[in-house]
Amino acid sequence: RQQLLLTALLRHRKGLTVEELSRMLAI
C-alpha cells in the first residue's frame, strides 16, 4: 500500500489530499 501511495504521489506532483488518496487506493 505504501508503494502504491508513493507512486500515486509521483504521478500527481502537485499533491493529493487524504480523501483523494483514499479513493485512489480504495482504503
mmCIF file of all heavy atoms, coordinates in Angstrom:
data_MODEL
# 
_entry.id   MODEL 
# 
loop_
_atom_site.group_PDB 
_atom_site.id 
_atom_site.type_symbol 
_atom_site.label_atom_id 
_atom_site.label_alt_id 
_atom_site.label_comp_id 
_atom_site.label_asym_id 
_atom_site.label_entity_id 
_atom_site.label_seq_id 
_atom_site.pdbx_PDB_ins_code 
_atom_site.Cartn_x 
_atom_site.Cartn_y 
_atom_site.Cartn_z 
_atom_site.occupancy 
_atom_site.B_iso_or_equiv 
_atom_site.pdbx_formal_charge 
_atom_site.auth_seq_id 
_atom_site.auth_comp_id 
_atom_site.auth_asym_id 
_atom_site.auth_atom_id 
_atom_site.pdbx_PDB_model_num 
ATOM 1   N N   . ARG A 1 1  ? 0.826   -1.210 0.000   1.00 0.00 ? 1  ARG A N   1 
ATOM 2   C CA  . ARG A 1 1  ? 0.000   0.000  0.000   1.00 0.00 ? 1  ARG A CA  1 
ATOM 3   C C   . ARG A 1 1  ? 0.857   1.256  0.000   1.00 0.00 ? 1  ARG A C   1 
ATOM 4   O O   . ARG A 1 1  ? 0.537   2.253  -0.657  1.00 0.00 ? 1  ARG A O   1 
ATOM 5   C CB  . ARG A 1 1  ? -0.931  -0.004 1.220   1.00 0.00 ? 1  ARG A CB  1 
ATOM 6   C CG  . ARG A 1 1  ? -2.001  -1.073 1.196   1.00 0.00 ? 1  ARG A CG  1 
ATOM 7   C CD  . ARG A 1 1  ? -2.981  -0.860 0.053   1.00 0.00 ? 1  ARG A CD  1 
ATOM 8   N NE  . ARG A 1 1  ? -4.056  -1.836 0.077   1.00 0.00 ? 1  ARG A NE  1 
ATOM 9   C CZ  . ARG A 1 1  ? -4.973  -1.961 -0.867  1.00 0.00 ? 1  ARG A CZ  1 
ATOM 10  N NH1 . ARG A 1 1  ? -4.936  -1.169 -1.918  1.00 0.00 ? 1  ARG A NH1 1 
ATOM 11  N NH2 . ARG A 1 1  ? -5.916  -2.885 -0.784  1.00 0.00 ? 1  ARG A NH2 1 
ATOM 12  N N   . GLN A 1 2  ? 1.960   1.229  0.744   1.00 0.00 ? 2  GLN A N   1 
ATOM 13  C CA  . GLN A 1 2  ? 2.840   2.395  0.778   1.00 0.00 ? 2  GLN A CA  1 
ATOM 14  C C   . GLN A 1 2  ? 3.517   2.609  -0.568  1.00 0.00 ? 2  GLN A C   1 
ATOM 15  O O   . GLN A 1 2  ? 3.711   3.736  -1.010  1.00 0.00 ? 2  GLN A O   1 
ATOM 16  C CB  . GLN A 1 2  ? 3.862   2.255  1.898   1.00 0.00 ? 2  GLN A CB  1 
ATOM 17  C CG  . GLN A 1 2  ? 3.235   2.346  3.287   1.00 0.00 ? 2  GLN A CG  1 
ATOM 18  C CD  . GLN A 1 2  ? 4.261   2.345  4.401   1.00 0.00 ? 2  GLN A CD  1 
ATOM 19  O OE1 . GLN A 1 2  ? 5.437   2.081  4.180   1.00 0.00 ? 2  GLN A OE1 1 
ATOM 20  N NE2 . GLN A 1 2  ? 3.814   2.631  5.614   1.00 0.00 ? 2  GLN A NE2 1 
ATOM 21  N N   . GLN A 1 3  ? 3.871   1.528  -1.248  1.00 0.00 ? 3  GLN A N   1 
ATOM 22  C CA  . GLN A 1 3  ? 4.431   1.654  -2.593  1.00 0.00 ? 3  GLN A CA  1 
ATOM 23  C C   . GLN A 1 3  ? 3.418   2.295  -3.536  1.00 0.00 ? 3  GLN A C   1 
ATOM 24  O O   . GLN A 1 3  ? 3.752   3.184  -4.329  1.00 0.00 ? 3  GLN A O   1 
ATOM 25  C CB  . GLN A 1 3  ? 4.832   0.283  -3.120  1.00 0.00 ? 3  GLN A CB  1 
ATOM 26  C CG  . GLN A 1 3  ? 5.997   -0.363 -2.379  1.00 0.00 ? 3  GLN A CG  1 
ATOM 27  C CD  . GLN A 1 3  ? 6.318   -1.731 -2.940  1.00 0.00 ? 3  GLN A CD  1 
ATOM 28  O OE1 . GLN A 1 3  ? 6.300   -1.946 -4.145  1.00 0.00 ? 3  GLN A OE1 1 
ATOM 29  N NE2 . GLN A 1 3  ? 6.619   -2.679 -2.063  1.00 0.00 ? 3  GLN A NE2 1 
ATOM 30  N N   . LEU A 1 4  ? 2.174   1.847  -3.454  1.00 0.00 ? 4  LEU A N   1 
ATOM 31  C CA  . LEU A 1 4  ? 1.127   2.397  -4.311  1.00 0.00 ? 4  LEU A CA  1 
ATOM 32  C C   . LEU A 1 4  ? 0.859   3.861  -3.977  1.00 0.00 ? 4  LEU A C   1 
ATOM 33  O O   . LEU A 1 4  ? 0.639   4.679  -4.871  1.00 0.00 ? 4  LEU A O   1 
ATOM 34  C CB  . LEU A 1 4  ? -0.157  1.578  -4.146  1.00 0.00 ? 4  LEU A CB  1 
ATOM 35  C CG  . LEU A 1 4  ? -0.104  0.145  -4.680  1.00 0.00 ? 4  LEU A CG  1 
ATOM 36  C CD1 . LEU A 1 4  ? -1.355  -0.620 -4.285  1.00 0.00 ? 4  LEU A CD1 1 
ATOM 37  C CD2 . LEU A 1 4  ? 0.077   0.136  -6.184  1.00 0.00 ? 4  LEU A CD2 1 
ATOM 38  N N   . LEU A 1 5  ? 0.895   4.198  -2.697  1.00 0.00 ? 5  LEU A N   1 
ATOM 39  C CA  . LEU A 1 5  ? 0.671   5.589  -2.277  1.00 0.00 ? 5  LEU A CA  1 
ATOM 40  C C   . LEU A 1 5  ? 1.774   6.496  -2.819  1.00 0.00 ? 5  LEU A C   1 
ATOM 41  O O   . LEU A 1 5  ? 1.513   7.573  -3.367  1.00 0.00 ? 5  LEU A O   1 
ATOM 42  C CB  . LEU A 1 5  ? 0.607   5.660  -0.751  1.00 0.00 ? 5  LEU A CB  1 
ATOM 43  C CG  . LEU A 1 5  ? 0.164   6.986  -0.124  1.00 0.00 ? 5  LEU A CG  1 
ATOM 44  C CD1 . LEU A 1 5  ? -0.479  6.731  1.246   1.00 0.00 ? 5  LEU A CD1 1 
ATOM 45  C CD2 . LEU A 1 5  ? 1.322   7.958  0.028   1.00 0.00 ? 5  LEU A CD2 1 
ATOM 46  N N   . LEU A 1 6  ? 3.012   6.059  -2.680  1.00 0.00 ? 6  LEU A N   1 
ATOM 47  C CA  . LEU A 1 6  ? 4.129   6.853  -3.182  1.00 0.00 ? 6  LEU A CA  1 
ATOM 48  C C   . LEU A 1 6  ? 4.070   7.016  -4.697  1.00 0.00 ? 6  LEU A C   1 
ATOM 49  O O   . LEU A 1 6  ? 4.360   8.092  -5.235  1.00 0.00 ? 6  LEU A O   1 
ATOM 50  C CB  . LEU A 1 6  ? 5.454   6.196  -2.776  1.00 0.00 ? 6  LEU A CB  1 
ATOM 51  C CG  . LEU A 1 6  ? 5.807   6.256  -1.287  1.00 0.00 ? 6  LEU A CG  1 
ATOM 52  C CD1 . LEU A 1 6  ? 6.968   5.320  -0.981  1.00 0.00 ? 6  LEU A CD1 1 
ATOM 53  C CD2 . LEU A 1 6  ? 6.147   7.680  -0.867  1.00 0.00 ? 6  LEU A CD2 1 
ATOM 54  N N   . THR A 1 7  ? 3.676   5.949  -5.388  1.00 0.00 ? 7  THR A N   1 
ATOM 55  C CA  . THR A 1 7  ? 3.566   6.015  -6.840  1.00 0.00 ? 7  THR A CA  1 
ATOM 56  C C   . THR A 1 7  ? 2.454   6.971  -7.253  1.00 0.00 ? 7  THR A C   1 
ATOM 57  O O   . THR A 1 7  ? 2.581   7.700  -8.244  1.00 0.00 ? 7  THR A O   1 
ATOM 58  C CB  . THR A 1 7  ? 3.313   4.618  -7.426  1.00 0.00 ? 7  THR A CB  1 
ATOM 59  O OG1 . THR A 1 7  ? 4.362   3.745  -7.023  1.00 0.00 ? 7  THR A OG1 1 
ATOM 60  C CG2 . THR A 1 7  ? 3.274   4.673  -8.950  1.00 0.00 ? 7  THR A CG2 1 
ATOM 61  N N   . ALA A 1 8  ? 1.352   6.988  -6.502  1.00 0.00 ? 8  ALA A N   1 
ATOM 62  C CA  . ALA A 1 8  ? 0.265   7.935  -6.775  1.00 0.00 ? 8  ALA A CA  1 
ATOM 63  C C   . ALA A 1 8  ? 0.762   9.371  -6.644  1.00 0.00 ? 8  ALA A C   1 
ATOM 64  O O   . ALA A 1 8  ? 0.446   10.236 -7.468  1.00 0.00 ? 8  ALA A O   1 
ATOM 65  C CB  . ALA A 1 8  ? -0.903  7.678  -5.819  1.00 0.00 ? 8  ALA A CB  1 
ATOM 66  N N   . LEU A 1 9  ? 1.568   9.639  -5.611  1.00 0.00 ? 9  LEU A N   1 
ATOM 67  C CA  . LEU A 1 9  ? 2.110   10.987 -5.424  1.00 0.00 ? 9  LEU A CA  1 
ATOM 68  C C   . LEU A 1 9  ? 3.141   11.328 -6.502  1.00 0.00 ? 9  LEU A C   1 
ATOM 69  O O   . LEU A 1 9  ? 3.277   12.488 -6.898  1.00 0.00 ? 9  LEU A O   1 
ATOM 70  C CB  . LEU A 1 9  ? 2.744   11.109 -4.039  1.00 0.00 ? 9  LEU A CB  1 
ATOM 71  C CG  . LEU A 1 9  ? 1.773   11.023 -2.853  1.00 0.00 ? 9  LEU A CG  1 
ATOM 72  C CD1 . LEU A 1 9  ? 2.530   11.125 -1.532  1.00 0.00 ? 9  LEU A CD1 1 
ATOM 73  C CD2 . LEU A 1 9  ? 0.705   12.119 -2.939  1.00 0.00 ? 9  LEU A CD2 1 
ATOM 74  N N   . LEU A 1 10 ? 3.854   10.306 -6.998  1.00 0.00 ? 10 LEU A N   1 
ATOM 75  C CA  . LEU A 1 10 ? 4.800   10.527 -8.092  1.00 0.00 ? 10 LEU A CA  1 
ATOM 76  C C   . LEU A 1 10 ? 4.064   11.017 -9.332  1.00 0.00 ? 10 LEU A C   1 
ATOM 77  O O   . LEU A 1 10 ? 4.552   11.887 -10.063 1.00 0.00 ? 10 LEU A O   1 
ATOM 78  C CB  . LEU A 1 10 ? 5.548   9.228  -8.401  1.00 0.00 ? 10 LEU A CB  1 
ATOM 79  C CG  . LEU A 1 10 ? 6.535   9.277  -9.575  1.00 0.00 ? 10 LEU A CG  1 
ATOM 80  C CD1 . LEU A 1 10 ? 7.756   10.110 -9.224  1.00 0.00 ? 10 LEU A CD1 1 
ATOM 81  C CD2 . LEU A 1 10 ? 6.949   7.860  -9.984  1.00 0.00 ? 10 LEU A CD2 1 
ATOM 82  N N   . ARG A 1 11 ? 2.885   10.458 -9.572  1.00 0.00 ? 11 ARG A N   1 
ATOM 83  C CA  . ARG A 1 11 ? 2.105   10.790 -10.767 1.00 0.00 ? 11 ARG A CA  1 
ATOM 84  C C   . ARG A 1 11 ? 1.306   12.073 -10.605 1.00 0.00 ? 11 ARG A C   1 
ATOM 85  O O   . ARG A 1 11 ? 0.765   12.600 -11.584 1.00 0.00 ? 11 ARG A O   1 
ATOM 86  C CB  . ARG A 1 11 ? 1.168   9.640  -11.100 1.00 0.00 ? 11 ARG A CB  1 
ATOM 87  C CG  . ARG A 1 11 ? 1.892   8.371  -11.478 1.00 0.00 ? 11 ARG A CG  1 
ATOM 88  C CD  . ARG A 1 11 ? 0.919   7.221  -11.613 1.00 0.00 ? 11 ARG A CD  1 
ATOM 89  N NE  . ARG A 1 11 ? 1.584   6.025  -12.082 1.00 0.00 ? 11 ARG A NE  1 
ATOM 90  C CZ  . ARG A 1 11 ? 0.987   4.854  -12.217 1.00 0.00 ? 11 ARG A CZ  1 
ATOM 91  N NH1 . ARG A 1 11 ? -0.304  4.733  -11.919 1.00 0.00 ? 11 ARG A NH1 1 
ATOM 92  N NH2 . ARG A 1 11 ? 1.664   3.810  -12.636 1.00 0.00 ? 11 ARG A NH2 1 
ATOM 93  N N   . HIS A 1 12 ? 1.193   12.547 -9.391  1.00 0.00 ? 12 HIS A N   1 
ATOM 94  C CA  . HIS A 1 12 ? 0.447   13.780 -9.116  1.00 0.00 ? 12 HIS A CA  1 
ATOM 95  C C   . HIS A 1 12 ? 1.373   14.714 -8.347  1.00 0.00 ? 12 HIS A C   1 
ATOM 96  O O   . HIS A 1 12 ? 1.270   14.846 -7.118  1.00 0.00 ? 12 HIS A O   1 
ATOM 97  C CB  . HIS A 1 12 ? -0.832  13.486 -8.324  1.00 0.00 ? 12 HIS A CB  1 
ATOM 98  C CG  . HIS A 1 12 ? -1.823  12.628 -9.058  1.00 0.00 ? 12 HIS A CG  1 
ATOM 99  N ND1 . HIS A 1 12 ? -1.692  11.246 -9.139  1.00 0.00 ? 12 HIS A ND1 1 
ATOM 100 C CD2 . HIS A 1 12 ? -2.944  12.944 -9.757  1.00 0.00 ? 12 HIS A CD2 1 
ATOM 101 C CE1 . HIS A 1 12 ? -2.696  10.754 -9.852  1.00 0.00 ? 12 HIS A CE1 1 
ATOM 102 N NE2 . HIS A 1 12 ? -3.464  11.759 -10.235 1.00 0.00 ? 12 HIS A NE2 1 
ATOM 103 N N   . ARG A 1 13 ? 2.296   15.354 -9.064  1.00 0.00 ? 13 ARG A N   1 
ATOM 104 C CA  . ARG A 1 13 ? 3.345   16.145 -8.431  1.00 0.00 ? 13 ARG A CA  1 
ATOM 105 C C   . ARG A 1 13 ? 2.797   17.344 -7.652  1.00 0.00 ? 13 ARG A C   1 
ATOM 106 O O   . ARG A 1 13 ? 3.452   17.850 -6.743  1.00 0.00 ? 13 ARG A O   1 
ATOM 107 C CB  . ARG A 1 13 ? 4.341   16.648 -9.487  1.00 0.00 ? 13 ARG A CB  1 
ATOM 108 C CG  . ARG A 1 13 ? 5.098   15.540 -10.202 1.00 0.00 ? 13 ARG A CG  1 
ATOM 109 C CD  . ARG A 1 13 ? 5.950   14.734 -9.224  1.00 0.00 ? 13 ARG A CD  1 
ATOM 110 N NE  . ARG A 1 13 ? 6.716   13.700 -9.904  1.00 0.00 ? 13 ARG A NE  1 
ATOM 111 C CZ  . ARG A 1 13 ? 7.946   13.859 -10.361 1.00 0.00 ? 13 ARG A CZ  1 
ATOM 112 N NH1 . ARG A 1 13 ? 8.569   15.004 -10.212 1.00 0.00 ? 13 ARG A NH1 1 
ATOM 113 N NH2 . ARG A 1 13 ? 8.564   12.866 -10.980 1.00 0.00 ? 13 ARG A NH2 1 
ATOM 114 N N   . LYS A 1 14 ? 1.612   17.821 -8.014  1.00 0.00 ? 14 LYS A N   1 
ATOM 115 C CA  . LYS A 1 14 ? 1.027   18.952 -7.287  1.00 0.00 ? 14 LYS A CA  1 
ATOM 116 C C   . LYS A 1 14 ? 0.435   18.534 -5.952  1.00 0.00 ? 14 LYS A C   1 
ATOM 117 O O   . LYS A 1 14 ? 0.086   19.385 -5.137  1.00 0.00 ? 14 LYS A O   1 
ATOM 118 C CB  . LYS A 1 14 ? -0.046  19.635 -8.148  1.00 0.00 ? 14 LYS A CB  1 
ATOM 119 C CG  . LYS A 1 14 ? 0.526   20.326 -9.379  1.00 0.00 ? 14 LYS A CG  1 
ATOM 120 C CD  . LYS A 1 14 ? -0.557  21.047 -10.158 1.00 0.00 ? 14 LYS A CD  1 
ATOM 121 C CE  . LYS A 1 14 ? 0.026   21.757 -11.369 1.00 0.00 ? 14 LYS A CE  1 
ATOM 122 N NZ  . LYS A 1 14 ? -1.032  22.476 -12.142 1.00 0.00 ? 14 LYS A NZ  1 
ATOM 123 N N   . GLY A 1 15 ? 0.336   17.231 -5.733  1.00 0.00 ? 15 GLY A N   1 
ATOM 124 C CA  . GLY A 1 15 ? -0.112  16.733 -4.447  1.00 0.00 ? 15 GLY A CA  1 
ATOM 125 C C   . GLY A 1 15 ? -1.515  16.173 -4.438  1.00 0.00 ? 15 GLY A C   1 
ATOM 126 O O   . GLY A 1 15 ? -2.315  16.433 -5.342  1.00 0.00 ? 15 GLY A O   1 
ATOM 127 N N   . LEU A 1 16 ? -1.803  15.386 -3.400  1.00 0.00 ? 16 LEU A N   1 
ATOM 128 C CA  . LEU A 1 16 ? -3.117  14.771 -3.212  1.00 0.00 ? 16 LEU A CA  1 
ATOM 129 C C   . LEU A 1 16 ? -3.549  14.916 -1.761  1.00 0.00 ? 16 LEU A C   1 
ATOM 130 O O   . LEU A 1 16 ? -2.703  14.948 -0.854  1.00 0.00 ? 16 LEU A O   1 
ATOM 131 C CB  . LEU A 1 16 ? -3.080  13.284 -3.595  1.00 0.00 ? 16 LEU A CB  1 
ATOM 132 C CG  . LEU A 1 16 ? -2.806  12.945 -5.064  1.00 0.00 ? 16 LEU A CG  1 
ATOM 133 C CD1 . LEU A 1 16 ? -2.514  11.455 -5.223  1.00 0.00 ? 16 LEU A CD1 1 
ATOM 134 C CD2 . LEU A 1 16 ? -3.988  13.350 -5.943  1.00 0.00 ? 16 LEU A CD2 1 
ATOM 135 N N   . THR A 1 17 ? -4.830  14.973 -1.542  1.00 0.00 ? 17 THR A N   1 
ATOM 136 C CA  . THR A 1 17 ? -5.369  15.022 -0.192  1.00 0.00 ? 17 THR A CA  1 
ATOM 137 C C   . THR A 1 17 ? -5.608  13.608 0.321   1.00 0.00 ? 17 THR A C   1 
ATOM 138 O O   . THR A 1 17 ? -5.525  12.636 -0.437  1.00 0.00 ? 17 THR A O   1 
ATOM 139 C CB  . THR A 1 17 ? -6.698  15.799 -0.159  1.00 0.00 ? 17 THR A CB  1 
ATOM 140 O OG1 . THR A 1 17 ? -7.663  15.080 -0.945  1.00 0.00 ? 17 THR A OG1 1 
ATOM 141 C CG2 . THR A 1 17 ? -6.514  17.206 -0.716  1.00 0.00 ? 17 THR A CG2 1 
ATOM 142 N N   . VAL A 1 18 ? -5.918  13.492 1.600   1.00 0.00 ? 18 VAL A N   1 
ATOM 143 C CA  . VAL A 1 18 ? -6.238  12.192 2.184   1.00 0.00 ? 18 VAL A CA  1 
ATOM 144 C C   . VAL A 1 18 ? -7.437  11.580 1.482   1.00 0.00 ? 18 VAL A C   1 
ATOM 145 O O   . VAL A 1 18 ? -7.458  10.379 1.179   1.00 0.00 ? 18 VAL A O   1 
ATOM 146 C CB  . VAL A 1 18 ? -6.511  12.335 3.697   1.00 0.00 ? 18 VAL A CB  1 
ATOM 147 C CG1 . VAL A 1 18 ? -7.082  11.031 4.264   1.00 0.00 ? 18 VAL A CG1 1 
ATOM 148 C CG2 . VAL A 1 18 ? -5.240  12.719 4.433   1.00 0.00 ? 18 VAL A CG2 1 
ATOM 149 N N   . GLU A 1 19 ? -8.453  12.397 1.208   1.00 0.00 ? 19 GLU A N   1 
ATOM 150 C CA  . GLU A 1 19 ? -9.648  11.895 0.545   1.00 0.00 ? 19 GLU A CA  1 
ATOM 151 C C   . GLU A 1 19 ? -9.331  11.352 -0.842  1.00 0.00 ? 19 GLU A C   1 
ATOM 152 O O   . GLU A 1 19 ? -9.826  10.290 -1.252  1.00 0.00 ? 19 GLU A O   1 
ATOM 153 C CB  . GLU A 1 19 ? -10.699 13.011 0.438   1.00 0.00 ? 19 GLU A CB  1 
ATOM 154 C CG  . GLU A 1 19 ? -11.337 13.417 1.751   1.00 0.00 ? 19 GLU A CG  1 
ATOM 155 C CD  . GLU A 1 19 ? -10.431 14.292 2.602   1.00 0.00 ? 19 GLU A CD  1 
ATOM 156 O OE1 . GLU A 1 19 ? -9.357  14.740 2.106   1.00 0.00 ? 19 GLU A OE1 1 
ATOM 157 O OE2 . GLU A 1 19 ? -10.769 14.515 3.780   1.00 0.00 ? 19 GLU A OE2 1 
ATOM 158 N N   . GLU A 1 20 ? -8.513  12.079 -1.581  1.00 0.00 ? 20 GLU A N   1 
ATOM 159 C CA  . GLU A 1 20 ? -8.148  11.633 -2.928  1.00 0.00 ? 20 GLU A CA  1 
ATOM 160 C C   . GLU A 1 20 ? -7.336  10.338 -2.890  1.00 0.00 ? 20 GLU A C   1 
ATOM 161 O O   . GLU A 1 20 ? -7.569  9.430  -3.688  1.00 0.00 ? 20 GLU A O   1 
ATOM 162 C CB  . GLU A 1 20 ? -7.355  12.743 -3.632  1.00 0.00 ? 20 GLU A CB  1 
ATOM 163 C CG  . GLU A 1 20 ? -8.211  13.949 -3.992  1.00 0.00 ? 20 GLU A CG  1 
ATOM 164 C CD  . GLU A 1 20 ? -7.381  15.131 -4.447  1.00 0.00 ? 20 GLU A CD  1 
ATOM 165 O OE1 . GLU A 1 20 ? -6.214  15.255 -4.004  1.00 0.00 ? 20 GLU A OE1 1 
ATOM 166 O OE2 . GLU A 1 20 ? -7.910  15.935 -5.242  1.00 0.00 ? 20 GLU A OE2 1 
ATOM 167 N N   . LEU A 1 21 ? -6.410  10.255 -1.955  1.00 0.00 ? 21 LEU A N   1 
ATOM 168 C CA  . LEU A 1 21 ? -5.624  9.029  -1.821  1.00 0.00 ? 21 LEU A CA  1 
ATOM 169 C C   . LEU A 1 21 ? -6.508  7.859  -1.394  1.00 0.00 ? 21 LEU A C   1 
ATOM 170 O O   . LEU A 1 21 ? -6.318  6.731  -1.850  1.00 0.00 ? 21 LEU A O   1 
ATOM 171 C CB  . LEU A 1 21 ? -4.509  9.246  -0.800  1.00 0.00 ? 21 LEU A CB  1 
ATOM 172 C CG  . LEU A 1 21 ? -3.327  10.090 -1.293  1.00 0.00 ? 21 LEU A CG  1 
ATOM 173 C CD1 . LEU A 1 21 ? -2.460  10.526 -0.118  1.00 0.00 ? 21 LEU A CD1 1 
ATOM 174 C CD2 . LEU A 1 21 ? -2.496  9.309  -2.309  1.00 0.00 ? 21 LEU A CD2 1 
ATOM 175 N N   . SER A 1 22 ? -7.466  8.130  -0.535  1.00 0.00 ? 22 SER A N   1 
ATOM 176 C CA  . SER A 1 22 ? -8.378  7.083  -0.076  1.00 0.00 ? 22 SER A CA  1 
ATOM 177 C C   . SER A 1 22 ? -9.160  6.498  -1.248  1.00 0.00 ? 22 SER A C   1 
ATOM 178 O O   . SER A 1 22 ? -9.309  5.281  -1.376  1.00 0.00 ? 22 SER A O   1 
ATOM 179 C CB  . SER A 1 22 ? -9.337  7.647  0.974   1.00 0.00 ? 22 SER A CB  1 
ATOM 180 O OG  . SER A 1 22 ? -10.281 6.678  1.365   1.00 0.00 ? 22 SER A OG  1 
ATOM 181 N N   . ARG A 1 23 ? -9.641  7.367  -2.140  1.00 0.00 ? 23 ARG A N   1 
ATOM 182 C CA  . ARG A 1 23 ? -10.395 6.898  -3.309  1.00 0.00 ? 23 ARG A CA  1 
ATOM 183 C C   . ARG A 1 23 ? -9.489  6.149  -4.283  1.00 0.00 ? 23 ARG A C   1 
ATOM 184 O O   . ARG A 1 23 ? -9.859  5.086  -4.801  1.00 0.00 ? 23 ARG A O   1 
ATOM 185 C CB  . ARG A 1 23 ? -11.060 8.088  -4.020  1.00 0.00 ? 23 ARG A CB  1 
ATOM 186 C CG  . ARG A 1 23 ? -12.225 8.706  -3.282  1.00 0.00 ? 23 ARG A CG  1 
ATOM 187 C CD  . ARG A 1 23 ? -13.057 9.578  -4.222  1.00 0.00 ? 23 ARG A CD  1 
ATOM 188 N NE  . ARG A 1 23 ? -12.248 10.650 -4.795  1.00 0.00 ? 23 ARG A NE  1 
ATOM 189 C CZ  . ARG A 1 23 ? -12.078 11.851 -4.238  1.00 0.00 ? 23 ARG A CZ  1 
ATOM 190 N NH1 . ARG A 1 23 ? -12.678 12.136 -3.079  1.00 0.00 ? 23 ARG A NH1 1 
ATOM 191 N NH2 . ARG A 1 23 ? -11.346 12.778 -4.834  1.00 0.00 ? 23 ARG A NH2 1 
ATOM 192 N N   . MET A 1 24 ? -8.312  6.668  -4.514  1.00 0.00 ? 24 MET A N   1 
ATOM 193 C CA  . MET A 1 24 ? -7.413  6.051  -5.498  1.00 0.00 ? 24 MET A CA  1 
ATOM 194 C C   . MET A 1 24 ? -6.916  4.683  -5.055  1.00 0.00 ? 24 MET A C   1 
ATOM 195 O O   . MET A 1 24 ? -6.780  3.763  -5.867  1.00 0.00 ? 24 MET A O   1 
ATOM 196 C CB  . MET A 1 24 ? -6.210  6.972  -5.759  1.00 0.00 ? 24 MET A CB  1 
ATOM 197 C CG  . MET A 1 24 ? -6.574  8.271  -6.456  1.00 0.00 ? 24 MET A CG  1 
ATOM 198 S SD  . MET A 1 24 ? -5.144  9.359  -6.690  1.00 0.00 ? 24 MET A SD  1 
ATOM 199 C CE  . MET A 1 24 ? -4.237  8.422  -7.900  1.00 0.00 ? 24 MET A CE  1 
ATOM 200 N N   . LEU A 1 25 ? -6.655  4.547  -3.755  1.00 0.00 ? 25 LEU A N   1 
ATOM 201 C CA  . LEU A 1 25 ? -6.107  3.289  -3.245  1.00 0.00 ? 25 LEU A CA  1 
ATOM 202 C C   . LEU A 1 25 ? -7.183  2.341  -2.721  1.00 0.00 ? 25 LEU A C   1 
ATOM 203 O O   . LEU A 1 25 ? -6.880  1.203  -2.359  1.00 0.00 ? 25 LEU A O   1 
ATOM 204 C CB  . LEU A 1 25 ? -5.102  3.581  -2.120  1.00 0.00 ? 25 LEU A CB  1 
ATOM 205 C CG  . LEU A 1 25 ? -3.923  4.485  -2.497  1.00 0.00 ? 25 LEU A CG  1 
ATOM 206 C CD1 . LEU A 1 25 ? -3.023  4.712  -1.295  1.00 0.00 ? 25 LEU A CD1 1 
ATOM 207 C CD2 . LEU A 1 25 ? -3.126  3.894  -3.646  1.00 0.00 ? 25 LEU A CD2 1 
ATOM 208 N N   . ALA A 1 26 ? -8.417  2.835  -2.671  1.00 0.00 ? 26 ALA A N   1 
ATOM 209 C CA  . ALA A 1 26 ? -9.541  2.016  -2.191  1.00 0.00 ? 26 ALA A CA  1 
ATOM 210 C C   . ALA A 1 26 ? -9.298  1.525  -0.766  1.00 0.00 ? 26 ALA A C   1 
ATOM 211 O O   . ALA A 1 26 ? -9.524  0.344  -0.444  1.00 0.00 ? 26 ALA A O   1 
ATOM 212 C CB  . ALA A 1 26 ? -9.798  0.844  -3.137  1.00 0.00 ? 26 ALA A CB  1 
ATOM 213 N N   . ILE A 1 27 ? -8.836  2.420  0.087   1.00 0.00 ? 27 ILE A N   1 
ATOM 214 C CA  . ILE A 1 27 ? -8.659  2.116  1.512   1.00 0.00 ? 27 ILE A CA  1 
ATOM 215 C C   . ILE A 1 27 ? -9.256  3.258  2.327   1.00 0.00 ? 27 ILE A C   1 
ATOM 216 O O   . ILE A 1 27 ? -9.551  4.329  1.792   1.00 0.00 ? 27 ILE A O   1 
ATOM 217 C CB  . ILE A 1 27 ? -7.172  1.912  1.883   1.00 0.00 ? 27 ILE A CB  1 
ATOM 218 C CG1 . ILE A 1 27 ? -6.352  3.155  1.550   1.00 0.00 ? 27 ILE A CG1 1 
ATOM 219 C CG2 . ILE A 1 27 ? -6.604  0.696  1.162   1.00 0.00 ? 27 ILE A CG2 1 
ATOM 220 C CD1 . ILE A 1 27 ? -4.896  3.062  1.972   1.00 0.00 ? 27 ILE A CD1 1 
# 
